[in-house]
Each structure stands twice: as C-alpha cells, then as structure tokens.
Amino acid sequence: MDIEKIREKIDAIDKEILDLLKERFSFMPEIAKYKQGEEIEIEDKTQEGKVISRALVRAGVRGLDSSFVRGLFEDIIKESKRLQKKHFTK
C-alpha cells in the first residue's frame, strides 16, 4: 500500500474520531440539565475516575500507551465539564 492510501485511511479514521467526540459531547446539555435539577455538582471526581479507569483497561487490552490514554480522557472530561457549565442556567 502506498503512503497516500495509508493517509486516506488515517484521514477516514480521524473523521470517525471527531464524529464520535461530537456524539459524546451532544449529551452534555442533557447531563447538565439533570445535574442542575438534582442539584449535583458538575465535577464528579468519582465518575471521572471510573471513566479513566475503564479507558485504561480498554487501552491495555488494545496495547495503547496508558499515559497517552489518560491524558486524552482527561482532556475529554475537561471539555465535557466545560460544555456542561455552558448549559447550566443561572
């Protein structure tokens, strides 16, 4: 396979990654509404730990670097909280 075909495959995967992030983040208004109605703080360190732990287990099974995956999911969680804050009404 030549390099251009490989790059096309990588580009298609990058698009899928972005589509999945968009889908994940689309739930943030609903999460924010629920948390606000139940008077739950946006930041939930217990849940964040569970998300990261699951990601690390899944990363290990797939042979991915754990520190890379931890950083990636910390960034995803940070963006999720930012979006939730955006949808909290005062």
PDB file of N, CA and C in Angstrom:
ATOM      1  N   MET A   1       0.857  -1.175   0.000  1.00  0.00           N
ATOM      2  CA  MET A   1       0.000   0.000   0.000  1.00  0.00           C
ATOM      3  C   MET A   1       0.905   1.241   0.000  1.00  0.00           C
ATOM      4  N   ASP A   2       0.579   2.192  -0.871  1.00  0.00           N
ATOM      5  CA  ASP A   2       1.406   3.401  -0.909  1.00  0.00           C
ATOM      6  C   ASP A   2       0.975   4.389   0.179  1.00  0.00           C
ATOM      7  N   ILE A   3       1.832   5.356   0.415  1.00  0.00           N
ATOM      8  CA  ILE A   3       1.626   6.282   1.537  1.00  0.00           C
ATOM      9  C   ILE A   3       0.338   7.090   1.401  1.00  0.00           C
ATOM     10  N   GLU A   4      -0.063   7.437   0.194  1.00  0.00           N
ATOM     11  CA  GLU A   4      -1.295   8.216   0.022  1.00  0.00           C
ATOM     12  C   GLU A   4      -2.526   7.404   0.421  1.00  0.00           C
ATOM     13  N   LYS A   5      -2.526   6.136   0.116  1.00  0.00           N
ATOM     14  CA  LYS A   5      -3.657   5.278   0.512  1.00  0.00           C
ATOM     15  C   LYS A   5      -3.696   5.128   2.039  1.00  0.00           C
ATOM     16  N   ILE A   6      -2.532   4.996   2.621  1.00  0.00           N
ATOM     17  CA  ILE A   6      -2.466   4.919   4.087  1.00  0.00           C
ATOM     18  C   ILE A   6      -2.984   6.214   4.698  1.00  0.00           C
ATOM     19  N   ARG A   7      -2.567   7.345   4.149  1.00  0.00           N
ATOM     20  CA  ARG A   7      -3.032   8.642   4.670  1.00  0.00           C
ATOM     21  C   ARG A   7      -4.535   8.807   4.514  1.00  0.00           C
ATOM     22  N   GLU A   8      -5.094   8.308   3.433  1.00  0.00           N
ATOM     23  CA  GLU A   8      -6.545   8.369   3.240  1.00  0.00           C
ATOM     24  C   GLU A   8      -7.261   7.555   4.308  1.00  0.00           C
ATOM     25  N   LYS A   9      -6.717   6.384   4.635  1.00  0.00           N
ATOM     26  CA  LYS A   9      -7.314   5.557   5.687  1.00  0.00           C
ATOM     27  C   LYS A   9      -7.222   6.254   7.045  1.00  0.00           C
ATOM     28  N   ILE A  10      -6.078   6.857   7.324  1.00  0.00           N
ATOM     29  CA  ILE A  10      -5.903   7.597   8.578  1.00  0.00           C
ATOM     30  C   ILE A  10      -6.874   8.767   8.638  1.00  0.00           C
ATOM     31  N   ASP A  11      -7.045   9.470   7.527  1.00  0.00           N
ATOM     32  CA  ASP A  11      -7.971  10.603   7.467  1.00  0.00           C
ATOM     33  C   ASP A  11      -9.405  10.146   7.758  1.00  0.00           C
ATOM     34  N   ALA A  12      -9.784   8.997   7.226  1.00  0.00           N
ATOM     35  CA  ALA A  12     -11.127   8.465   7.479  1.00  0.00           C
ATOM     36  C   ALA A  12     -11.299   8.120   8.959  1.00  0.00           C
ATOM     37  N   ILE A  13     -10.269   7.566   9.564  1.00  0.00           N
ATOM     38  CA  ILE A  13     -10.321   7.253  10.999  1.00  0.00           C
ATOM     39  C   ILE A  13     -10.414   8.536  11.814  1.00  0.00           C
ATOM     40  N   ASP A  14      -9.637   9.554  11.436  1.00  0.00           N
ATOM     41  CA  ASP A  14      -9.700  10.841  12.143  1.00  0.00           C
ATOM     42  C   ASP A  14     -11.116  11.407  12.098  1.00  0.00           C
ATOM     43  N   LYS A  15     -11.785  11.289  10.962  1.00  0.00           N
ATOM     44  CA  LYS A  15     -13.161  11.767  10.835  1.00  0.00           C
ATOM     45  C   LYS A  15     -14.074  11.002  11.789  1.00  0.00           C
ATOM     46  N   GLU A  16     -13.898   9.689  11.861  1.00  0.00           N
ATOM     47  CA  GLU A  16     -14.706   8.880  12.778  1.00  0.00           C
ATOM     48  C   GLU A  16     -14.481   9.300  14.226  1.00  0.00           C
ATOM     49  N   ILE A  17     -13.236   9.557  14.590  1.00  0.00           N
ATOM     50  CA  ILE A  17     -12.922  10.000  15.951  1.00  0.00           C
ATOM     51  C   ILE A  17     -13.673  11.302  16.262  1.00  0.00           C
ATOM     52  N   LEU A  18     -13.620  12.241  15.326  1.00  0.00           N
ATOM     53  CA  LEU A  18     -14.304  13.523  15.536  1.00  0.00           C
ATOM     54  C   LEU A  18     -15.820  13.346  15.600  1.00  0.00           C
ATOM     55  N   ASP A  19     -16.369  12.473  14.757  1.00  0.00           N
ATOM     56  CA  ASP A  19     -17.806  12.207  14.802  1.00  0.00           C
ATOM     57  C   ASP A  19     -18.210  11.609  16.153  1.00  0.00           C
ATOM     58  N   LEU A  20     -17.391  10.713  16.689  1.00  0.00           N
ATOM     59  CA  LEU A  20     -17.693  10.115  17.989  1.00  0.00           C
ATOM     60  C   LEU A  20     -17.577  11.135  19.122  1.00  0.00           C
ATOM     61  N   LEU A  21     -16.598  12.020  19.036  1.00  0.00           N
ATOM     62  CA  LEU A  21     -16.492  13.085  20.046  1.00  0.00           C
ATOM     63  C   LEU A  21     -17.712  13.998  19.987  1.00  0.00           C
ATOM     64  N   LYS A  22     -18.127  14.332  18.777  1.00  0.00           N
ATOM     65  CA  LYS A  22     -19.320  15.177  18.626  1.00  0.00           C
ATOM     66  C   LYS A  22     -20.534  14.487  19.247  1.00  0.00           C
ATOM     67  N   GLU A  23     -20.676  13.189  18.989  1.00  0.00           N
ATOM     68  CA  GLU A  23     -21.798  12.438  19.562  1.00  0.00           C
ATOM     69  C   GLU A  23     -21.711  12.412  21.090  1.00  0.00           C
ATOM     70  N   ARG A  24     -20.525  12.166  21.618  1.00  0.00           N
ATOM     71  CA  ARG A  24     -20.344  12.131  23.074  1.00  0.00           C
ATOM     72  C   ARG A  24     -20.712  13.483  23.689  1.00  0.00           C
ATOM     73  N   PHE A  25     -20.209  14.551  23.091  1.00  0.00           N
ATOM     74  CA  PHE A  25     -20.456  15.884  23.632  1.00  0.00           C
ATOM     75  C   PHE A  25     -21.907  16.327  23.452  1.00  0.00           C
ATOM     76  N   SER A  26     -22.629  15.710  22.534  1.00  0.00           N
ATOM     77  CA  SER A  26     -24.038  16.087  22.319  1.00  0.00           C
ATOM     78  C   SER A  26     -24.907  15.747  23.538  1.00  0.00           C
ATOM     79  N   PHE A  27     -24.412  14.894  24.419  1.00  0.00           N
ATOM     80  CA  PHE A  27     -25.171  14.543  25.628  1.00  0.00           C
ATOM     81  C   PHE A  27     -24.964  15.539  26.767  1.00  0.00           C
ATOM     82  N   MET A  28     -24.038  16.474  26.624  1.00  0.00           N
ATOM     83  CA  MET A  28     -23.711  17.362  27.730  1.00  0.00           C
ATOM     84  C   MET A  28     -24.857  18.283  28.139  1.00  0.00           C
ATOM     85  N   PRO A  29     -25.662  18.827  27.210  1.00  0.00           N
ATOM     86  CA  PRO A  29     -26.794  19.633  27.677  1.00  0.00           C
ATOM     87  C   PRO A  29     -27.766  18.825  28.552  1.00  0.00           C
ATOM     88  N   GLU A  30     -28.022  17.585  28.164  1.00  0.00           N
ATOM     89  CA  GLU A  30     -28.925  16.727  28.936  1.00  0.00           C
ATOM     90  C   GLU A  30     -28.334  16.389  30.305  1.00  0.00           C
ATOM     91  N   ILE A  31     -27.044  16.093  30.338  1.00  0.00           N
ATOM     92  CA  ILE A  31     -26.368  15.818  31.610  1.00  0.00           C
ATOM     93  C   ILE A  31     -26.426  17.052  32.511  1.00  0.00           C
ATOM     94  N   ALA A  32     -26.161  18.221  31.926  1.00  0.00           N
ATOM     95  CA  ALA A  32     -26.189  19.469  32.708  1.00  0.00           C
ATOM     96  C   ALA A  32     -27.578  19.719  33.290  1.00  0.00           C
ATOM     97  N   LYS A  33     -28.596  19.506  32.468  1.00  0.00           N
ATOM     98  CA  LYS A  33     -29.969  19.722  32.927  1.00  0.00           C
ATOM     99  C   LYS A  33     -30.290  18.777  34.086  1.00  0.00           C
ATOM    100  N   TYR A  34     -29.907  17.516  33.955  1.00  0.00           N
ATOM    101  CA  TYR A  34     -30.154  16.538  35.019  1.00  0.00           C
ATOM    102  C   TYR A  34     -29.425  16.954  36.302  1.00  0.00           C
ATOM    103  N   LYS A  35     -28.135  17.253  36.162  1.00  0.00           N
ATOM    104  CA  LYS A  35     -27.347  17.615  37.342  1.00  0.00           C
ATOM    105  C   LYS A  35     -27.917  18.855  38.017  1.00  0.00           C
ATOM    106  N   GLN A  36     -28.321  19.826  37.221  1.00  0.00           N
ATOM    107  CA  GLN A  36     -28.868  21.043  37.808  1.00  0.00           C
ATOM    108  C   GLN A  36     -30.183  20.742  38.532  1.00  0.00           C
ATOM    109  N   GLY A  37     -31.039  19.934  37.909  1.00  0.00           N
ATOM    110  CA  GLY A  37     -32.319  19.590  38.533  1.00  0.00           C
ATOM    111  C   GLY A  37     -32.156  18.807  39.821  1.00  0.00           C
ATOM    112  N   GLU A  38     -31.125  17.996  39.881  1.00  0.00           N
ATOM    113  CA  GLU A  38     -30.864  17.181  41.070  1.00  0.00           C
ATOM    114  C   GLU A  38     -29.883  17.856  42.030  1.00  0.00           C
ATOM    115  N   GLU A  39     -29.488  19.075  41.683  1.00  0.00           N
ATOM    116  CA  GLU A  39     -28.524  19.846  42.475  1.00  0.00           C
ATOM    117  C   GLU A  39     -27.224  19.071  42.690  1.00  0.00           C
ATOM    118  N   ILE A  40     -26.718  18.514  41.611  1.00  0.00           N
ATOM    119  CA  ILE A  40     -25.465  17.765  41.613  1.00  0.00           C
ATOM    120  C   ILE A  40     -24.394  18.655  40.993  1.00  0.00           C
ATOM    121  N   GLU A  41     -23.231  18.676  41.579  1.00  0.00           N
ATOM    122  CA  GLU A  41     -22.119  19.449  41.034  1.00  0.00           C
ATOM    123  C   GLU A  41     -21.699  18.909  39.664  1.00  0.00           C
ATOM    124  N   ILE A  42     -21.214  19.787  38.817  1.00  0.00           N
ATOM    125  CA  ILE A  42     -20.717  19.351  37.511  1.00  0.00           C
ATOM    126  C   ILE A  42     -19.534  18.417  37.691  1.00  0.00           C
ATOM    127  N   GLU A  43     -18.619  18.795  38.557  1.00  0.00           N
ATOM    128  CA  GLU A  43     -17.426  17.977  38.766  1.00  0.00           C
ATOM    129  C   GLU A  43     -17.749  16.809  39.687  1.00  0.00           C
ATOM    130  N   ASP A  44     -17.498  15.611  39.180  1.00  0.00           N
ATOM    131  CA  ASP A  44     -17.753  14.386  39.944  1.00  0.00           C
ATOM    132  C   ASP A  44     -16.500  13.523  39.831  1.00  0.00           C
ATOM    133  N   LYS A  45     -15.584  13.707  40.772  1.00  0.00           N
ATOM    134  CA  LYS A  45     -14.284  13.020  40.723  1.00  0.00           C
ATOM    135  C   LYS A  45     -14.440  11.498  40.718  1.00  0.00           C
ATOM    136  N   THR A  46     -15.468  10.977  41.399  1.00  0.00           N
ATOM    137  CA  THR A  46     -15.686   9.532  41.412  1.00  0.00           C
ATOM    138  C   THR A  46     -16.004   9.029  40.008  1.00  0.00           C
ATOM    139  N   GLN A  47     -16.935   9.700  39.333  1.00  0.00           N
ATOM    140  CA  GLN A  47     -17.302   9.309  37.970  1.00  0.00           C
ATOM    141  C   GLN A  47     -16.124   9.500  37.014  1.00  0.00           C
ATOM    142  N   GLU A  48     -15.409  10.596  37.167  1.00  0.00           N
ATOM    143  CA  GLU A  48     -14.243  10.838  36.312  1.00  0.00           C
ATOM    144  C   GLU A  48     -13.223   9.707  36.470  1.00  0.00           C
ATOM    145  N   GLY A  49     -13.012   9.274  37.715  1.00  0.00           N
ATOM    146  CA  GLY A  49     -12.086   8.176  37.971  1.00  0.00           C
ATOM    147  C   GLY A  49     -12.544   6.884  37.311  1.00  0.00           C
ATOM    148  N   LYS A  50     -13.857   6.635  37.352  1.00  0.00           N
ATOM    149  CA  LYS A  50     -14.396   5.435  36.701  1.00  0.00           C
ATOM    150  C   LYS A  50     -14.181   5.483  35.193  1.00  0.00           C
ATOM    151  N   VAL A  51     -14.427   6.637  34.599  1.00  0.00           N
ATOM    152  CA  VAL A  51     -14.255   6.788  33.147  1.00  0.00           C
ATOM    153  C   VAL A  51     -12.797   6.539  32.766  1.00  0.00           C
ATOM    154  N   ILE A  52     -11.895   7.143  33.514  1.00  0.00           N
ATOM    155  CA  ILE A  52     -10.468   6.978  33.209  1.00  0.00           C
ATOM    156  C   ILE A  52     -10.027   5.535  33.459  1.00  0.00           C
ATOM    157  N   SER A  53     -10.489   4.932  34.539  1.00  0.00           N
ATOM    158  CA  SER A  53     -10.127   3.537  34.819  1.00  0.00           C
ATOM    159  C   SER A  53     -10.589   2.602  33.705  1.00  0.00           C
ATOM    160  N   ARG A  54     -11.836   2.780  33.268  1.00  0.00           N
ATOM    161  CA  ARG A  54     -12.343   1.943  32.161  1.00  0.00           C
ATOM    162  C   ARG A  54     -11.512   2.153  30.905  1.00  0.00           C
ATOM    163  N   ALA A  55     -11.187   3.403  30.621  1.00  0.00           N
ATOM    164  CA  ALA A  55     -10.388   3.708  29.434  1.00  0.00           C
ATOM    165  C   ALA A  55      -9.013   3.062  29.514  1.00  0.00           C
ATOM    166  N   LEU A  56      -8.409   3.083  30.696  1.00  0.00           N
ATOM    167  CA  LEU A  56      -7.080   2.491  30.855  1.00  0.00           C
ATOM    168  C   LEU A  56      -7.110   0.975  30.678  1.00  0.00           C
ATOM    169  N   VAL A  57      -8.153   0.337  31.181  1.00  0.00           N
ATOM    170  CA  VAL A  57      -8.288  -1.118  30.994  1.00  0.00           C
ATOM    171  C   VAL A  57      -8.445  -1.417  29.506  1.00  0.00           C
ATOM    172  N   ARG A  58      -9.327  -0.675  28.851  1.00  0.00           N
ATOM    173  CA  ARG A  58      -9.555  -0.892  27.415  1.00  0.00           C
ATOM    174  C   ARG A  58      -8.302  -0.588  26.607  1.00  0.00           C
ATOM    175  N   ALA A  59      -7.561   0.420  27.026  1.00  0.00           N
ATOM    176  CA  ALA A  59      -6.313   0.771  26.337  1.00  0.00           C
ATOM    177  C   ALA A  59      -5.309  -0.362  26.475  1.00  0.00           C
ATOM    178  N   GLY A  60      -5.197  -0.932  27.686  1.00  0.00           N
ATOM    179  CA  GLY A  60      -4.249  -2.011  27.923  1.00  0.00           C
ATOM    180  C   GLY A  60      -4.535  -3.216  27.046  1.00  0.00           C
ATOM    181  N   VAL A  61      -5.813  -3.561  26.922  1.00  0.00           N
ATOM    182  CA  VAL A  61      -6.215  -4.694  26.086  1.00  0.00           C
ATOM    183  C   VAL A  61      -5.829  -4.448  24.622  1.00  0.00           C
ATOM    184  N   ARG A  62      -5.858  -3.185  24.234  1.00  0.00           N
ATOM    185  CA  ARG A  62      -5.570  -2.830  22.842  1.00  0.00           C
ATOM    186  C   ARG A  62      -4.101  -2.481  22.598  1.00  0.00           C
ATOM    187  N   GLY A  63      -3.299  -2.549  23.653  1.00  0.00           N
ATOM    188  CA  GLY A  63      -1.872  -2.265  23.506  1.00  0.00           C
ATOM    189  C   GLY A  63      -1.548  -0.787  23.338  1.00  0.00           C
ATOM    190  N   LEU A  64      -2.436   0.077  23.860  1.00  0.00           N
ATOM    191  CA  LEU A  64      -2.208   1.523  23.768  1.00  0.00           C
ATOM    192  C   LEU A  64      -1.491   2.028  25.015  1.00  0.00           C
ATOM    193  N   ASP A  65      -0.723   3.077  24.853  1.00  0.00           N
ATOM    194  CA  ASP A  65       0.047   3.661  25.946  1.00  0.00           C
ATOM    195  C   ASP A  65      -0.897   4.269  26.989  1.00  0.00           C
ATOM    196  N   SER A  66      -0.751   3.840  28.228  1.00  0.00           N
ATOM    197  CA  SER A  66      -1.670   4.278  29.279  1.00  0.00           C
ATOM    198  C   SER A  66      -1.554   5.766  29.588  1.00  0.00           C
ATOM    199  N   SER A  67      -0.356   6.327  29.539  1.00  0.00           N
ATOM    200  CA  SER A  67      -0.255   7.749  29.863  1.00  0.00           C
ATOM    201  C   SER A  67      -0.866   8.605  28.749  1.00  0.00           C
ATOM    202  N   PHE A  68      -0.753   8.155  27.505  1.00  0.00           N
ATOM    203  CA  PHE A  68      -1.416   8.861  26.405  1.00  0.00           C
ATOM    204  C   PHE A  68      -2.934   8.813  26.584  1.00  0.00           C
ATOM    205  N   VAL A  69      -3.461   7.630  26.873  1.00  0.00           N
ATOM    206  CA  VAL A  69      -4.909   7.465  27.016  1.00  0.00           C
ATOM    207  C   VAL A  69      -5.422   8.242  28.220  1.00  0.00           C
ATOM    208  N   ARG A  70      -4.669   8.244  29.317  1.00  0.00           N
ATOM    209  CA  ARG A  70      -5.075   9.028  30.498  1.00  0.00           C
ATOM    210  C   ARG A  70      -5.187  10.510  30.125  1.00  0.00           C
ATOM    211  N   GLY A  71      -4.173  11.040  29.455  1.00  0.00           N
ATOM    212  CA  GLY A  71      -4.206  12.449  29.056  1.00  0.00           C
ATOM    213  C   GLY A  71      -5.351  12.756  28.109  1.00  0.00           C
ATOM    214  N   LEU A  72      -5.591  11.855  27.167  1.00  0.00           N
ATOM    215  CA  LEU A  72      -6.681  12.027  26.212  1.00  0.00           C
ATOM    216  C   LEU A  72      -8.019  12.099  26.935  1.00  0.00           C
ATOM    217  N   PHE A  73      -8.251  11.162  27.848  1.00  0.00           N
ATOM    218  CA  PHE A  73      -9.533  11.147  28.553  1.00  0.00           C
ATOM    219  C   PHE A  73      -9.645  12.283  29.565  1.00  0.00           C
ATOM    220  N   GLU A  74      -8.550  12.717  30.134  1.00  0.00           N
ATOM    221  CA  GLU A  74      -8.607  13.900  30.993  1.00  0.00           C
ATOM    222  C   GLU A  74      -9.048  15.114  30.175  1.00  0.00           C
ATOM    223  N   ASP A  75      -8.551  15.223  28.943  1.00  0.00           N
ATOM    224  CA  ASP A  75      -8.966  16.330  28.069  1.00  0.00           C
ATOM    225  C   ASP A  75     -10.435  16.207  27.670  1.00  0.00           C
ATOM    226  N   ILE A  76     -10.878  14.997  27.377  1.00  0.00           N
ATOM    227  CA  ILE A  76     -12.284  14.782  27.020  1.00  0.00           C
ATOM    228  C   ILE A  76     -13.181  15.151  28.197  1.00  0.00           C
ATOM    229  N   ILE A  77     -12.804  14.756  29.388  1.00  0.00           N
ATOM    230  CA  ILE A  77     -13.581  15.085  30.579  1.00  0.00           C
ATOM    231  C   ILE A  77     -13.584  16.597  30.813  1.00  0.00           C
ATOM    232  N   LYS A  78     -12.440  17.233  30.638  1.00  0.00           N
ATOM    233  CA  LYS A  78     -12.357  18.687  30.808  1.00  0.00           C
ATOM    234  C   LYS A  78     -13.315  19.393  29.850  1.00  0.00           C
ATOM    235  N   GLU A  79     -13.338  18.959  28.600  1.00  0.00           N
ATOM    236  CA  GLU A  79     -14.240  19.568  27.619  1.00  0.00           C
ATOM    237  C   GLU A  79     -15.702  19.257  27.957  1.00  0.00           C
ATOM    238  N   SER A  80     -15.967  18.067  28.438  1.00  0.00           N
ATOM    239  CA  SER A  80     -17.333  17.705  28.831  1.00  0.00           C
ATOM    240  C   SER A  80     -17.832  18.623  29.943  1.00  0.00           C
ATOM    241  N   LYS A  81     -16.987  18.879  30.928  1.00  0.00           N
ATOM    242  CA  LYS A  81     -17.370  19.778  32.029  1.00  0.00           C
ATOM    243  C   LYS A  81     -17.562  21.207  31.533  1.00  0.00           C
ATOM    244  N   ARG A  82     -16.712  21.639  30.612  1.00  0.00           N
ATOM    245  CA  ARG A  82     -16.861  22.989  30.051  1.00  0.00           C
ATOM    246  C   ARG A  82     -18.214  23.128  29.361  1.00  0.00           C
ATOM    247  N   LEU A  83     -18.581  22.110  28.591  1.00  0.00           N
ATOM    248  CA  LEU A  83     -19.862  22.146  27.889  1.00  0.00           C
ATOM    249  C   LEU A  83     -21.030  22.067  28.860  1.00  0.00           C
ATOM    250  N   GLN A  84     -20.899  21.297  29.923  1.00  0.00           N
ATOM    251  CA  GLN A  84     -21.963  21.241  30.917  1.00  0.00           C
ATOM    252  C   GLN A  84     -22.155  22.601  31.576  1.00  0.00           C
ATOM    253  N   LYS A  85     -21.055  23.253  31.933  1.00  0.00           N
ATOM    254  CA  LYS A  85     -21.138  24.577  32.562  1.00  0.00           C
ATOM    255  C   LYS A  85     -21.831  25.568  31.644  1.00  0.00           C
ATOM    256  N   LYS A  86     -21.585  25.446  30.378  1.00  0.00           N
ATOM    257  CA  LYS A  86     -22.202  26.324  29.379  1.00  0.00           C
ATOM    258  C   LYS A  86     -23.726  26.186  29.387  1.00  0.00           C
ATOM    259  N   HIS A  87     -24.219  25.003  29.747  1.00  0.00           N
ATOM    260  CA  HIS A  87     -25.657  24.742  29.701  1.00  0.00           C
ATOM    261  C   HIS A  87     -26.350  24.854  31.045  1.00  0.00           C
ATOM    262  N   PHE A  88     -25.581  25.137  32.101  1.00  0.00           N
ATOM    263  CA  PHE A  88     -26.207  25.388  33.394  1.00  0.00           C
ATOM    264  C   PHE A  88     -26.872  26.745  33.328  1.00  0.00           C
ATOM    265  N   THR A  89     -28.122  26.831  33.787  1.00  0.00           N
ATOM    266  CA  THR A  89     -28.798  28.126  33.813  1.00  0.00           C
ATOM    267  C   THR A  89     -28.636  28.728  35.196  1.00  0.00           C
ATOM    268  N   LYS A  90     -28.522  30.003  35.227  1.00  0.00           N
ATOM    269  CA  LYS A  90     -28.287  30.703  36.495  1.00  0.00           C
ATOM    270  C   LYS A  90     -29.596  30.967  37.207  1.00  0.00           C
TER     271      LYS A  90
END
